[in-house]
């Protein structure tokens, strides 16, 4: 027990007391006689805890502290998120700006260089030079430009020249011709590069006629105003060239070779308002255009070269209204373009990966393609329908490169993409797809084109290599899980062969081995791993 020191005060204040039960004892005595106690008293006091000192209050204090801590972290996170958002926004803006600049650079590069060459240059830092065996080069030159330049306001002169060249550029794009360069009033372009094609002589001559027609229209407008306008000479030659990029800092796509020099000579030896072509170009375009022979021209190291003036499209291939190409012209050009389609289909088969085709190979496709053309010619199929037939035969199995189990549908999907690039119109594409699907309908072919394609597809049934091809077919279907045991598969083939028939008389006459003999050979066939 602790006692406080004595005092003369009748009051005592306690400021710090422990909570709980307190015992107080009071003593009194006379002053000066400490030992004489005159009174004493004692009592108990209960001091309760205030709310702020209770357990609940401490829990609330802890919760409040956690809330404050959480609020601090939330505020810090929000500030961090705002800063991150600001930085990301800056990065995105810079990235978008870089992408826009990159797109502008690529667009500018693609305007200067061919697409494939520009891509190669971006990927490897350099572009390889390539040789092209069949390229048609065009040179055009404004007649008397030097004299005109001396008399005409330079700004007006450049504006007029730019307007003409801008139109020429649109013509080149229309006919898929590569513009090479312009030197003063000279305009140079070439067809058949950078993508090889068989129609470039016809395309370039068509472009030349359109260029000449545009200049003629400008002349007529100027004459109505009492003004004189320029005239133009055009020269064309077909041959081999070397194409590539020259320069280190200032890149330029150019072509070299005797073909370029000869085309330039064709232009300089021509006449204003006419298209002058060489004998080699004439050999490719004579079935499309009327050409007037104008003699020979000596060329260094090459002897004499024949020259022709292009007068226009042949009457049977031209529209009566304006002399432009009619439907027959376009079909004939598409048939010529089939050679390019053949090359693409062959390339797709040869470069395909992850497939195991032993029967439906490129060889089979070409056999069907050849047989369909043979039967079509034998039955006198008109060119318009012959184009549909040959194209369907060429691409009828291409779907196997994508999906073996639904290859007809996959083939039609691929055909819509491929054929549109070869200038087939939607109606032609749908006719081709319908012809392909007729091979897989559960009904006999009704139309002649369907019958011809069917007989071309199953031509192997009547050939001497039928048995060998059967083994390749089983090997292929076994690899794709489409065939089970060989005996079961063989029995299915026997039943199919029993019901098979050729729908055209000519296909039946072309059969090399009779059906009975093929059936006998098939029954004796054994499978060897």
Protein backbone atom coordinates (compact mmCIF):
# COMPACT_ATOMS: atom_id res chain seq x y z
CA UNK A 1 0.00 0.00 0.00
CA UNK A 2 1.34 3.39 -0.98
CA UNK A 3 0.57 6.56 1.09
CA UNK A 4 0.84 10.03 -0.21
CA UNK A 5 2.72 12.63 1.83
CA UNK A 6 0.66 14.58 4.38
CA UNK A 7 -0.70 18.01 3.48
CA UNK A 8 -2.78 20.82 4.98
CA UNK A 9 -5.15 20.72 1.95
CA UNK A 10 -8.57 19.22 2.49
CA UNK A 11 -8.75 18.20 -1.17
CA UNK A 12 -6.63 15.82 -3.14
CA UNK A 13 -6.63 15.43 -6.88
CA UNK A 14 -5.62 12.25 -8.66
CA UNK A 15 -4.88 12.55 -12.33
CA UNK A 16 -3.51 9.16 -13.17
CA UNK A 17 -5.43 6.26 -11.75
CA UNK A 18 -5.56 2.69 -12.89
CA UNK A 19 -8.85 1.33 -14.08
CA UNK A 20 -10.64 -1.14 -11.86
CA UNK A 21 -11.39 -1.37 -8.09
CA UNK A 22 -9.51 1.23 -5.94
CA UNK A 23 -9.20 1.28 -2.08
CA UNK A 24 -8.73 4.67 -0.41
CA UNK A 25 -7.81 5.21 3.32
CA UNK A 26 -7.66 8.70 4.87
CA UNK A 27 -5.92 9.66 8.17
CA UNK A 28 -6.12 12.95 10.09
CA UNK A 29 -4.04 14.27 13.01
CA UNK A 30 -3.26 17.42 14.88
CA UNK A 31 -0.68 19.62 13.52
CA UNK A 32 2.53 19.22 15.28
CA UNK A 33 1.58 15.87 16.76
CA UNK A 34 1.93 13.47 13.84
CA UNK A 35 1.56 10.47 16.00
CA UNK A 36 -1.79 11.49 17.32
CA UNK A 37 -4.32 10.24 14.86
CA UNK A 38 -7.65 11.85 15.45
CA UNK A 39 -9.61 10.29 12.62
CA UNK A 40 -9.37 7.90 9.79
CA UNK A 41 -11.63 6.67 7.03
CA UNK A 42 -11.57 4.22 4.15
CA UNK A 43 -13.67 3.51 1.06
CA UNK A 44 -13.64 1.62 -2.24
CA UNK A 45 -14.03 3.18 -5.70
CA UNK A 46 -14.69 1.45 -9.01
CA UNK A 47 -13.10 3.20 -11.98
CA UNK A 48 -14.69 1.92 -15.27
CA UNK A 49 -12.83 2.04 -18.57
CA UNK A 50 -14.04 4.73 -21.00
CA UNK A 51 -15.06 3.63 -24.50
CA UNK A 52 -11.80 4.78 -26.08
CA UNK A 53 -9.95 2.31 -23.89
CA UNK A 54 -12.19 -0.68 -24.51
CA UNK A 55 -11.32 -3.68 -26.65
CA UNK A 56 -13.91 -2.64 -29.20
CA UNK A 57 -12.22 0.73 -29.48
CA UNK A 58 -8.86 -0.95 -30.04
CA UNK A 59 -10.41 -3.09 -32.79
CA UNK A 60 -11.83 0.03 -34.37
CA UNK A 61 -8.43 1.72 -34.07
CA UNK A 62 -6.83 -1.22 -35.88
CA UNK A 63 -9.52 -1.19 -38.57
CA UNK A 64 -9.12 2.54 -39.02
CA UNK A 65 -5.37 2.10 -39.33
CA UNK A 66 -5.83 -0.58 -41.96
CA UNK A 67 -8.27 1.65 -43.84
CA UNK A 68 -5.81 4.52 -43.76
CA UNK A 69 -3.04 2.22 -44.94
CA UNK A 70 -5.28 0.87 -47.70
CA UNK A 71 -6.27 4.39 -48.72
CA UNK A 72 -2.60 5.32 -48.87
CA UNK A 73 -1.80 2.36 -51.08
CA UNK A 74 -4.83 3.06 -53.25
CA UNK A 75 -3.80 6.68 -53.66
CA UNK A 76 -0.26 5.60 -54.43
CA UNK A 77 -1.50 3.00 -56.92
CA UNK A 78 -3.81 5.53 -58.56
CA UNK A 79 -0.96 7.99 -58.89
CA UNK A 80 1.24 5.25 -60.31
CA UNK A 81 -1.53 4.18 -62.71
CA UNK A 82 -2.01 7.77 -63.89
CA UNK A 83 1.69 8.08 -64.50
CA UNK A 84 1.77 4.76 -66.31
CA UNK A 85 -1.25 5.76 -68.41
CA UNK A 86 0.45 9.03 -69.28
CA UNK A 87 3.62 7.24 -70.31
CA UNK A 88 1.70 4.58 -72.27
CA UNK A 89 -0.23 7.32 -74.04
CA UNK A 90 3.03 8.99 -75.00
CA UNK A 91 4.48 5.66 -76.15
CA UNK A 92 1.34 4.83 -78.16
CA UNK A 93 1.37 8.25 -79.79
CA UNK A 94 5.03 7.87 -80.65
CA UNK A 95 4.42 4.31 -81.89
CA UNK A 96 1.49 5.40 -84.06
CA UNK A 97 3.58 8.23 -85.40
CA UNK A 98 6.39 5.79 -86.20
CA UNK A 99 3.92 3.42 -87.87
CA UNK A 100 2.54 6.27 -89.97
CA UNK A 101 6.03 7.29 -90.95
CA UNK A 102 6.90 3.65 -91.68
CA UNK A 103 3.79 3.30 -93.84
CA UNK A 104 4.67 6.49 -95.68
CA UNK A 105 8.19 5.21 -96.23
CA UNK A 106 6.95 1.83 -97.46
CA UNK A 107 4.40 3.49 -99.72
CA UNK A 108 7.07 5.77 -101.11
CA UNK A 109 9.39 2.80 -101.57
CA UNK A 110 6.66 0.79 -103.29
CA UNK A 111 6.04 3.70 -105.65
CA UNK A 112 9.72 3.77 -106.55
CA UNK A 113 10.35 0.01 -106.59
CA UNK A 114 8.23 -3.06 -107.39
CA UNK A 115 6.49 -4.60 -104.39
CA UNK A 116 8.58 -7.79 -104.26
CA UNK A 117 11.81 -5.88 -104.76
CA UNK A 118 10.91 -3.40 -102.02
CA UNK A 119 10.08 -6.28 -99.64
CA UNK A 120 13.37 -8.02 -100.41
CA UNK A 121 15.23 -4.77 -99.84
CA UNK A 122 13.57 -4.28 -96.45
CA UNK A 123 14.22 -7.85 -95.34
CA UNK A 124 17.79 -8.31 -96.54
CA UNK A 125 19.04 -4.80 -97.14
CA UNK A 126 19.71 -5.55 -100.80
CA UNK A 127 17.84 -6.62 -103.92
CA UNK A 128 19.14 -9.27 -106.29
CA UNK A 129 19.10 -8.71 -110.03
CA UNK A 130 16.95 -11.09 -112.05
CA UNK A 131 16.78 -12.15 -115.66
CA UNK A 132 13.43 -12.19 -117.43
CA UNK A 133 13.18 -14.01 -120.74
CA UNK A 134 9.98 -12.39 -121.98
CA UNK A 135 9.56 -8.68 -121.28
CA UNK A 136 7.93 -6.07 -123.48
CA UNK A 137 9.57 -2.65 -123.24
CA UNK A 138 7.83 0.57 -124.29
CA UNK A 139 9.45 3.92 -125.02
CA UNK A 140 7.48 7.08 -125.72
CA UNK A 141 8.78 10.51 -126.65
CA UNK A 142 7.13 13.85 -127.29
CA UNK A 143 7.75 15.08 -130.79
CA UNK A 144 9.66 18.37 -130.89
CA UNK A 145 9.80 18.77 -127.12
CA UNK A 146 13.05 20.74 -127.22
CA UNK A 147 11.56 23.32 -129.57
CA UNK A 148 8.39 23.51 -127.48
CA UNK A 149 10.40 23.99 -124.28
CA UNK A 150 12.13 27.02 -125.77
CA UNK A 151 8.84 28.71 -126.66
CA UNK A 152 6.61 27.74 -123.71
CA UNK A 153 6.46 29.01 -120.15
CA UNK A 154 8.46 26.50 -118.04
CA UNK A 155 5.81 26.22 -115.32
CA UNK A 156 3.04 25.60 -117.84
CA UNK A 157 5.27 23.14 -119.68
CA UNK A 158 5.98 21.10 -116.55
CA UNK A 159 2.32 21.14 -115.50
CA UNK A 160 1.21 19.81 -118.88
CA UNK A 161 3.93 17.18 -118.92
CA UNK A 162 3.05 16.12 -115.38
CA UNK A 163 -0.63 15.82 -116.33
CA UNK A 164 0.25 13.57 -119.26
CA UNK A 165 2.60 11.37 -117.26
CA UNK A 166 0.06 11.10 -114.45
CA UNK A 167 -2.45 9.69 -116.93
CA UNK A 168 0.19 7.35 -118.35
CA UNK A 169 0.83 6.06 -114.82
CA UNK A 170 -2.85 5.19 -114.41
CA UNK A 171 -2.77 3.31 -117.73
CA UNK A 172 0.28 1.32 -116.59
CA UNK A 173 -1.48 0.39 -113.36
CA UNK A 174 -4.57 -0.71 -115.29
CA UNK A 175 -2.57 -3.14 -117.44
CA UNK A 176 -0.18 -4.27 -114.68
CA UNK A 177 2.83 -2.71 -116.38
CA UNK A 178 5.87 -1.52 -114.44
CA UNK A 179 6.88 2.08 -114.93
CA UNK A 180 10.67 2.26 -115.12
CA UNK A 181 11.48 5.96 -115.35
CA UNK A 182 10.96 9.26 -117.10
CA UNK A 183 13.81 11.29 -118.58
CA UNK A 184 12.65 14.70 -119.63
CA UNK A 185 9.86 14.08 -122.10
CA UNK A 186 10.67 10.35 -122.48
CA UNK A 187 8.52 7.76 -120.72
CA UNK A 188 9.77 4.18 -120.26
CA UNK A 189 7.86 1.16 -118.95
CA UNK A 190 7.98 -2.63 -119.21
CA UNK A 191 5.46 -5.46 -119.03
CA UNK A 192 6.27 -8.90 -117.63
CA UNK A 193 8.25 -7.64 -114.62
CA UNK A 194 8.55 -8.10 -111.72
CA UNK A 195 5.85 -10.79 -112.05
CA UNK A 196 6.34 -12.93 -115.12
CA UNK A 197 3.35 -13.34 -117.42
CA UNK A 198 2.58 -14.44 -120.95
CA UNK A 199 0.24 -11.59 -121.85
CA UNK A 200 2.67 -8.69 -121.49
CA UNK A 201 3.07 -8.06 -125.28
CA UNK A 202 -0.70 -7.67 -125.66
CA UNK A 203 -0.97 -5.64 -122.44
CA UNK A 204 1.76 -3.21 -123.49
CA UNK A 205 0.31 -2.71 -126.97
CA UNK A 206 -3.11 -2.06 -125.42
CA UNK A 207 -1.51 0.47 -123.07
CA UNK A 208 0.29 2.13 -125.99
CA UNK A 209 -2.96 2.50 -127.92
CA UNK A 210 -4.62 4.03 -124.87
CA UNK A 211 -1.71 6.45 -124.41
CA UNK A 212 -1.94 7.45 -128.07
CA UNK A 213 -5.71 7.87 -127.83
CA UNK A 214 -5.32 10.18 -124.81
CA UNK A 215 -2.83 12.40 -126.66
CA UNK A 216 -5.18 12.50 -129.66
CA UNK A 217 -8.04 13.67 -127.42
CA UNK A 218 -5.84 16.45 -126.02
CA UNK A 219 -4.89 17.47 -129.57
CA UNK A 220 -8.54 17.68 -130.61
CA UNK A 221 -9.40 19.84 -127.59
CA UNK A 222 -6.47 22.15 -128.31
CA UNK A 223 -7.40 22.48 -131.98
CA UNK A 224 -10.90 23.61 -131.02
CA UNK A 225 -9.25 26.38 -129.00
CA UNK A 226 -7.01 27.28 -131.91
CA UNK A 227 -3.91 25.94 -130.17
CA UNK A 228 -1.33 23.37 -131.12
CA UNK A 229 -0.63 20.43 -128.87
CA UNK A 230 2.16 17.93 -128.64
CA UNK A 231 2.41 14.71 -130.58
CA UNK A 232 3.95 11.47 -129.39
CA UNK A 233 5.96 8.57 -130.81
CA UNK A 234 5.81 5.11 -129.24
CA UNK A 235 8.14 2.16 -129.83
CA UNK A 236 7.79 -1.39 -128.47
CA UNK A 237 10.03 -4.46 -128.47
CA UNK A 238 9.81 -7.85 -126.73
CA UNK A 239 12.80 -9.83 -125.49
CA UNK A 240 14.92 -10.69 -122.46
CA UNK A 241 16.19 -8.15 -119.91
CA UNK A 242 18.06 -7.96 -116.62
CA UNK A 243 16.13 -6.09 -113.91
CA UNK A 244 17.33 -4.85 -110.56
CA UNK A 245 18.00 -1.96 -108.20
CA UNK A 246 20.90 0.41 -108.73
CA UNK A 247 22.32 2.98 -106.35
CA UNK A 248 23.14 3.02 -102.65
CA UNK A 249 21.48 6.12 -101.23
CA UNK A 250 19.23 7.05 -104.13
CA UNK A 251 17.64 3.78 -105.20
CA UNK A 252 16.32 3.22 -108.70
CA UNK A 253 14.71 0.19 -110.36
CA UNK A 254 16.03 -0.25 -113.88
CA UNK A 255 16.35 -2.77 -116.69
CA UNK A 256 19.25 -3.51 -119.03
CA UNK A 257 19.84 -5.47 -122.22
CA UNK A 258 19.55 -5.37 -125.99
CA UNK A 259 15.77 -5.38 -125.62
CA UNK A 260 15.89 -1.92 -124.04
CA UNK A 261 18.12 -0.56 -126.79
CA UNK A 262 15.95 -2.07 -129.51
CA UNK A 263 12.77 -0.63 -127.96
CA UNK A 264 14.43 2.78 -127.94
CA UNK A 265 15.31 2.34 -131.62
CA UNK A 266 11.68 1.39 -132.35
CA UNK A 267 10.59 4.68 -130.80
CA UNK A 268 13.14 6.84 -132.60
CA UNK A 269 12.32 5.11 -135.91
CA UNK A 270 8.59 5.57 -135.49
CA UNK A 271 6.25 8.32 -136.58
CA UNK A 272 4.21 10.79 -134.51
CA UNK A 273 0.77 9.48 -133.67
CA UNK A 274 1.67 5.83 -134.37
CA UNK A 275 2.75 2.78 -132.38
CA UNK A 276 5.83 1.13 -133.89
CA UNK A 277 6.54 -2.48 -132.83
CA UNK A 278 9.30 -4.94 -133.64
CA UNK A 279 8.92 -8.27 -135.38
CA UNK A 280 9.29 -10.19 -132.10
CA UNK A 281 6.41 -8.25 -130.53
CA UNK A 282 4.35 -8.71 -133.69
CA UNK A 283 4.70 -12.50 -133.38
CA UNK A 284 2.95 -12.36 -130.00
CA UNK A 285 0.20 -9.86 -130.82
CA UNK A 286 -0.68 -10.58 -134.46
CA UNK A 287 -3.76 -12.60 -133.44
CA UNK A 288 -5.15 -9.60 -131.54
CA UNK A 289 -4.23 -6.54 -133.61
CA UNK A 290 -4.11 -5.38 -137.21
CA UNK A 291 -0.49 -4.54 -137.98
CA UNK A 292 0.98 -2.86 -141.05
CA UNK A 293 4.43 -3.99 -142.16
CA UNK A 294 6.73 -1.03 -142.75
CA UNK A 295 10.09 -2.58 -143.56
CA UNK A 296 13.30 -3.48 -141.81
CA UNK A 297 15.64 -1.53 -139.58
CA UNK A 298 19.34 -2.37 -139.15
CA UNK A 299 20.36 -2.93 -135.54
CA UNK A 300 23.94 -3.25 -134.39
CA UNK A 301 24.99 -6.84 -133.62
CA UNK A 302 21.47 -8.09 -134.47
CA UNK A 303 21.12 -7.51 -138.18
CA UNK A 304 17.84 -6.26 -139.56
CA UNK A 305 14.63 -6.20 -137.53
CA UNK A 306 11.13 -6.10 -138.99
CA UNK A 307 8.92 -3.19 -137.96
CA UNK A 308 5.12 -2.88 -137.88
CA UNK A 309 2.63 -0.11 -137.18
CA UNK A 310 -0.28 -1.15 -134.96
CA UNK A 311 -3.46 0.01 -136.70
CA UNK A 312 -5.97 -1.27 -134.14
CA UNK A 313 -7.75 -4.31 -132.74
CA UNK A 314 -8.88 -6.93 -135.23
CA UNK A 315 -12.50 -6.34 -136.34
CA UNK A 316 -13.78 -9.66 -135.01
CA UNK A 317 -12.29 -8.84 -131.59
CA UNK A 318 -13.37 -5.18 -131.42
CA UNK A 319 -16.56 -3.50 -130.28
CA UNK A 320 -18.45 -1.80 -133.08
CA UNK A 321 -19.15 1.31 -131.01
CA UNK A 322 -15.66 2.45 -130.09
CA UNK A 323 -13.27 -0.17 -131.45
CA UNK A 324 -12.30 -1.33 -127.96
CA UNK A 325 -11.81 -5.00 -127.01
CA UNK A 326 -15.00 -7.06 -127.02
CA UNK A 327 -15.83 -10.21 -125.06
CA UNK A 328 -14.17 -12.46 -127.63
CA UNK A 329 -10.93 -10.46 -127.30
CA UNK A 330 -10.99 -10.78 -123.50
CA UNK A 331 -11.70 -14.53 -123.63
CA UNK A 332 -8.85 -15.04 -126.09
CA UNK A 333 -6.56 -13.06 -123.79
CA UNK A 334 -7.66 -15.12 -120.79
CA UNK A 335 -6.90 -18.33 -122.67
CA UNK A 336 -3.41 -16.95 -123.23
CA UNK A 337 -3.27 -16.09 -119.52
CA UNK A 338 -3.95 -19.76 -118.71
CA UNK A 339 -0.23 -20.37 -119.20
CA UNK A 340 0.47 -18.17 -116.18
CA UNK A 341 -2.21 -19.98 -114.18
CA UNK A 342 -0.59 -23.31 -115.11
CA UNK A 343 2.70 -22.08 -113.69
CA UNK A 344 1.09 -21.00 -110.42
CA UNK A 345 -0.76 -24.30 -109.94
CA UNK A 346 2.43 -26.23 -110.68
CA UNK A 347 4.34 -24.09 -108.20
CA UNK A 348 1.72 -24.67 -105.51
CA UNK A 349 1.90 -28.44 -105.94
CA UNK A 350 5.70 -28.46 -106.00
CA UNK A 351 6.14 -26.26 -102.93
CA UNK A 352 3.31 -27.68 -100.80
CA UNK A 353 4.45 -29.11 -97.45
CA UNK A 354 2.82 -31.54 -95.04
CA UNK A 355 0.91 -33.45 -97.71
CA UNK A 356 1.26 -37.05 -98.87
CA UNK A 357 -0.29 -37.27 -102.31
CA UNK A 358 0.62 -40.23 -104.48
CA UNK A 359 -2.33 -40.33 -106.86
CA UNK A 360 -3.70 -36.76 -106.91
CA UNK A 361 -0.37 -35.28 -107.91
CA UNK A 362 0.56 -32.52 -110.33
CA UNK A 363 1.01 -35.21 -112.98
CA UNK A 364 -2.60 -36.33 -112.52
CA UNK A 365 -3.82 -32.72 -112.71
CA UNK A 366 -1.96 -32.11 -115.97
CA UNK A 367 -3.29 -35.37 -117.43
CA UNK A 368 -6.86 -34.33 -116.65
CA UNK A 369 -6.14 -30.83 -118.00
CA UNK A 370 -4.76 -32.19 -121.27
CA UNK A 371 -7.55 -34.74 -121.71
CA UNK A 372 -10.25 -32.12 -121.05
CA UNK A 373 -8.75 -29.82 -123.69
CA UNK A 374 -8.49 -32.72 -126.17
CA UNK A 375 -12.14 -33.72 -125.68
CA UNK A 376 -13.25 -30.09 -125.75
CA UNK A 377 -11.56 -29.48 -129.09
CA UNK A 378 -12.96 -32.73 -130.46
CA UNK A 379 -16.50 -31.60 -129.62
CA UNK A 380 -15.93 -28.07 -130.95
CA UNK A 381 -16.44 -26.29 -127.65
CA UNK A 382 -16.51 -22.52 -128.20
CA UNK A 383 -13.60 -20.52 -126.70
CA UNK A 384 -15.75 -19.01 -123.94
CA UNK A 385 -16.79 -22.46 -122.66
CA UNK A 386 -13.36 -23.93 -123.39
CA UNK A 387 -11.87 -21.40 -120.98
CA UNK A 388 -14.26 -22.54 -118.24
CA UNK A 389 -13.57 -26.22 -118.96
CA UNK A 390 -9.77 -25.95 -119.03
CA UNK A 391 -9.65 -23.81 -115.91
CA UNK A 392 -11.88 -26.22 -113.98
CA UNK A 393 -9.69 -29.15 -115.06
CA UNK A 394 -6.56 -27.30 -114.00
CA UNK A 395 -7.69 -26.45 -110.46
CA UNK A 396 -10.11 -29.29 -109.69
CA UNK A 397 -7.73 -31.00 -107.22
CA UNK A 398 -5.98 -27.97 -105.74
CA UNK A 399 -8.18 -28.15 -102.63
CA UNK A 400 -6.25 -31.25 -101.54
CA UNK A 401 -3.35 -28.98 -100.68
CA UNK A 402 -5.55 -27.41 -97.98
CA UNK A 403 -8.09 -30.01 -96.83
CA UNK A 404 -7.96 -33.58 -98.13
CA UNK A 405 -11.36 -34.59 -96.73
CA UNK A 406 -13.34 -31.65 -98.13
CA UNK A 407 -11.12 -30.79 -101.04
CA UNK A 408 -13.89 -29.85 -103.52
CA UNK A 409 -15.18 -27.10 -101.22
CA UNK A 410 -11.66 -26.04 -100.27
CA UNK A 411 -10.69 -25.98 -103.93
CA UNK A 412 -13.58 -23.67 -104.78
CA UNK A 413 -12.62 -21.34 -101.94
CA UNK A 414 -9.06 -21.21 -103.26
CA UNK A 415 -10.32 -20.76 -106.82
CA UNK A 416 -12.26 -17.63 -105.90
CA UNK A 417 -9.08 -16.10 -104.52
CA UNK A 418 -6.73 -17.23 -107.29
CA UNK A 419 -8.91 -16.64 -110.34
CA UNK A 420 -9.85 -13.10 -109.36
CA UNK A 421 -6.15 -12.22 -109.67
CA UNK A 422 -6.19 -13.57 -113.22
CA UNK A 423 -9.09 -11.29 -114.17
CA UNK A 424 -11.87 -13.89 -114.19
CA UNK A 425 -15.21 -12.23 -113.53
CA UNK A 426 -17.52 -13.53 -110.75
CA UNK A 427 -19.84 -15.29 -113.21
CA UNK A 428 -16.93 -17.22 -114.73
CA UNK A 429 -15.61 -18.18 -111.29
CA UNK A 430 -18.99 -19.53 -110.20
CA UNK A 431 -19.32 -21.52 -113.44
CA UNK A 432 -15.88 -23.04 -112.84
CA UNK A 433 -16.74 -23.93 -109.23
CA UNK A 434 -20.05 -25.45 -110.33
CA UNK A 435 -18.22 -27.58 -112.89
CA UNK A 436 -15.76 -28.81 -110.25
CA UNK A 437 -18.56 -29.68 -107.81
CA UNK A 438 -20.34 -31.66 -110.55
CA UNK A 439 -17.60 -34.30 -110.20
CA UNK A 440 -18.84 -35.02 -106.68
CA UNK A 441 -22.62 -34.85 -107.12
CA UNK A 442 -24.53 -38.09 -106.76
CA UNK A 443 -26.03 -37.72 -110.21
CA UNK A 444 -24.82 -38.41 -113.72
CA UNK A 445 -23.35 -35.37 -115.50
CA UNK A 446 -26.03 -33.81 -117.68
CA UNK A 447 -24.33 -31.01 -119.60
CA UNK A 448 -21.58 -31.59 -122.14
CA UNK A 449 -18.93 -29.68 -120.15
CA UNK A 450 -19.71 -31.79 -117.08
CA UNK A 451 -19.47 -34.98 -119.14
CA UNK A 452 -16.13 -33.95 -120.65
CA UNK A 453 -14.64 -33.07 -117.25
CA UNK A 454 -15.95 -36.35 -115.78
CA UNK A 455 -14.42 -38.41 -118.58
CA UNK A 456 -11.13 -36.51 -118.30
CA UNK A 457 -11.01 -37.13 -114.53
CA UNK A 458 -11.62 -40.88 -114.92
CA UNK A 459 -9.58 -41.30 -118.08
CA UNK A 460 -7.06 -43.42 -116.11
CA UNK A 461 -9.73 -46.13 -115.79
CA UNK A 462 -9.20 -47.04 -119.43
CA UNK A 463 -5.42 -46.66 -119.53
CA UNK A 464 -2.70 -49.29 -119.32
CA UNK A 465 -1.34 -47.78 -116.08
CA UNK A 466 -4.68 -48.25 -114.29
CA UNK A 467 -3.42 -50.96 -111.91
CA UNK A 468 -0.31 -49.01 -110.92
CA UNK A 469 -2.46 -45.95 -110.25
CA UNK A 470 -4.84 -48.01 -108.12
CA UNK A 471 -1.95 -48.93 -105.83
CA UNK A 472 -0.96 -45.28 -105.58
CA UNK A 473 -4.54 -44.32 -104.77
CA UNK A 474 -4.76 -46.92 -101.99
CA UNK A 475 -1.40 -45.81 -100.61
CA UNK A 476 -2.64 -42.22 -100.52
CA UNK A 477 -5.99 -42.99 -98.89
CA UNK A 478 -4.33 -45.33 -96.39
CA UNK A 479 -1.99 -42.55 -95.33
CA UNK A 480 -4.91 -40.21 -94.69
CA UNK A 481 -6.89 -42.87 -92.83
CA UNK A 482 -9.53 -42.96 -95.54
CA UNK A 483 -9.01 -46.65 -96.38
CA UNK A 484 -8.95 -49.75 -94.23
CA UNK A 485 -7.77 -53.19 -95.28
CA UNK A 486 -6.64 -53.59 -98.85
CA UNK A 487 -9.17 -56.34 -99.65
CA UNK A 488 -12.10 -54.20 -98.49
CA UNK A 489 -10.80 -51.22 -100.43
CA UNK A 490 -10.22 -53.37 -103.52
CA UNK A 491 -13.78 -54.67 -103.39
CA UNK A 492 -15.06 -51.08 -103.30
CA UNK A 493 -12.97 -50.23 -106.37
CA UNK A 494 -14.30 -53.28 -108.18
CA UNK A 495 -17.88 -52.16 -107.52
CA UNK A 496 -17.07 -48.62 -108.67
CA UNK A 497 -15.42 -49.91 -111.84
CA UNK A 498 -18.43 -52.11 -112.61
CA UNK A 499 -20.75 -49.09 -112.56
CA UNK A 500 -18.36 -46.70 -114.26
CA UNK A 501 -19.02 -45.44 -117.77
CA UNK A 502 -17.67 -42.79 -120.08
CA UNK A 503 -20.32 -40.22 -120.98
CA UNK A 504 -18.77 -39.09 -124.26
CA UNK A 505 -18.32 -41.33 -127.28
CA UNK A 506 -14.84 -40.02 -127.99
CA UNK A 507 -13.64 -40.84 -124.48
CA UNK A 508 -14.99 -44.36 -124.89
CA UNK A 509 -13.18 -44.74 -128.20
CA UNK A 510 -9.95 -43.50 -126.65
CA UNK A 511 -10.06 -46.25 -124.02
CA UNK A 512 -6.88 -48.31 -124.25
CA UNK A 513 -8.01 -51.29 -122.13
CA UNK A 514 -11.50 -52.75 -121.97
CA UNK A 515 -13.40 -52.73 -118.68
CA UNK A 516 -13.51 -56.56 -118.35
CA UNK A 517 -9.75 -56.79 -118.59
CA UNK A 518 -9.30 -54.02 -116.02
CA UNK A 519 -11.68 -55.81 -113.66
CA UNK A 520 -9.78 -59.07 -114.02
CA UNK A 521 -6.47 -57.34 -113.29
CA UNK A 522 -7.98 -55.55 -110.29
CA UNK A 523 -9.31 -58.79 -108.79
CA UNK A 524 -5.83 -60.32 -108.93
CA UNK A 525 -4.16 -57.25 -107.46
CA UNK A 526 -2.17 -57.72 -104.23
CA UNK A 527 -0.89 -55.08 -101.86
CA UNK A 528 2.75 -55.12 -100.88
CA UNK A 529 4.10 -52.81 -98.19
